[in-house]
Amino acid sequence: MFDIVKRNYERGLWSKEMVKMAVKKGVITKEQYKEITGEDYEAQ
């Protein structure tokens, strides 16, 4: 799933909020969020 999330984000199909939702749902880790977006994950 990480590859799919990353590819969709890089293509502009997913926003940072959508990537955050993937972390909340346990699809990717906080570390993977940082790898994808370049920013630390901060829960809201």
C-alpha atoms as a PDB file:
ATOM      1  CA  MET A   1       0.000   0.000   0.000  1.00  0.00           C
ATOM      2  CA  PHE A   2       2.896   2.372   0.700  1.00  0.00           C
ATOM      3  CA  ASP A   3       3.836   2.430  -2.987  1.00  0.00           C
ATOM      4  CA  ILE A   4       0.271   3.221  -4.028  1.00  0.00           C
ATOM      5  CA  VAL A   5      -0.080   6.059  -1.506  1.00  0.00           C
ATOM      6  CA  LYS A   6       3.306   7.489  -2.503  1.00  0.00           C
ATOM      7  CA  ARG A   7       2.560   7.298  -6.219  1.00  0.00           C
ATOM      8  CA  ASN A   8      -0.847   8.947  -5.815  1.00  0.00           C
ATOM      9  CA  TYR A   9       0.652  11.765  -3.723  1.00  0.00           C
ATOM     10  CA  GLU A  10       3.470  12.352  -6.211  1.00  0.00           C
ATOM     11  CA  ARG A  11       0.970  12.485  -9.091  1.00  0.00           C
ATOM     12  CA  GLY A  12      -1.119  15.044  -7.233  1.00  0.00           C
ATOM     13  CA  LEU A  13      -4.053  12.690  -6.827  1.00  0.00           C
ATOM     14  CA  TRP A  14      -3.757  12.666  -3.017  1.00  0.00           C
ATOM     15  CA  SER A  15      -3.384  15.649  -0.690  1.00  0.00           C
ATOM     16  CA  LYS A  16      -1.365  15.633   2.547  1.00  0.00           C
ATOM     17  CA  GLU A  17      -4.649  15.269   4.416  1.00  0.00           C
ATOM     18  CA  MET A  18      -5.417  12.101   2.487  1.00  0.00           C
ATOM     19  CA  VAL A  19      -1.962  10.719   3.307  1.00  0.00           C
ATOM     20  CA  LYS A  20      -2.600  11.602   6.986  1.00  0.00           C
ATOM     21  CA  MET A  21      -5.833   9.640   6.832  1.00  0.00           C
ATOM     22  CA  ALA A  22      -3.859   6.628   5.603  1.00  0.00           C
ATOM     23  CA  VAL A  23      -1.709   6.900   8.751  1.00  0.00           C
ATOM     24  CA  LYS A  24      -4.788   7.175  10.986  1.00  0.00           C
ATOM     25  CA  LYS A  25      -6.270   4.056   9.377  1.00  0.00           C
ATOM     26  CA  GLY A  26      -3.027   2.126   9.806  1.00  0.00           C
ATOM     27  CA  VAL A  27      -2.345   1.797   6.095  1.00  0.00           C
ATOM     28  CA  ILE A  28       1.083   3.464   6.383  1.00  0.00           C
ATOM     29  CA  THR A  29       3.293   4.461   9.321  1.00  0.00           C
ATOM     30  CA  LYS A  30       4.232   7.912  10.575  1.00  0.00           C
ATOM     31  CA  GLU A  31       7.726   7.332   9.219  1.00  0.00           C
ATOM     32  CA  GLN A  32       6.311   6.510   5.803  1.00  0.00           C
ATOM     33  CA  TYR A  33       4.227   9.707   5.942  1.00  0.00           C
ATOM     34  CA  LYS A  34       7.472  11.677   6.360  1.00  0.00           C
ATOM     35  CA  GLU A  35       9.090   9.763   3.499  1.00  0.00           C
ATOM     36  CA  ILE A  36       6.149  10.584   1.227  1.00  0.00           C
ATOM     37  CA  THR A  37       5.517  14.230   2.170  1.00  0.00           C
ATOM     38  CA  GLY A  38       8.887  15.317   3.553  1.00  0.00           C
ATOM     39  CA  GLU A  39       7.191  16.533   6.731  1.00  0.00           C
ATOM     40  CA  ASP A  40       6.818  15.046  10.201  1.00  0.00           C
ATOM     41  CA  TYR A  41       3.414  13.535  10.951  1.00  0.00           C
ATOM     42  CA  GLU A  42       1.469  15.572  13.478  1.00  0.00           C
ATOM     43  CA  ALA A  43      -1.864  14.244  14.691  1.00  0.00           C
ATOM     44  CA  GLN A  44      -4.648  16.783  14.901  1.00  0.00           C
END
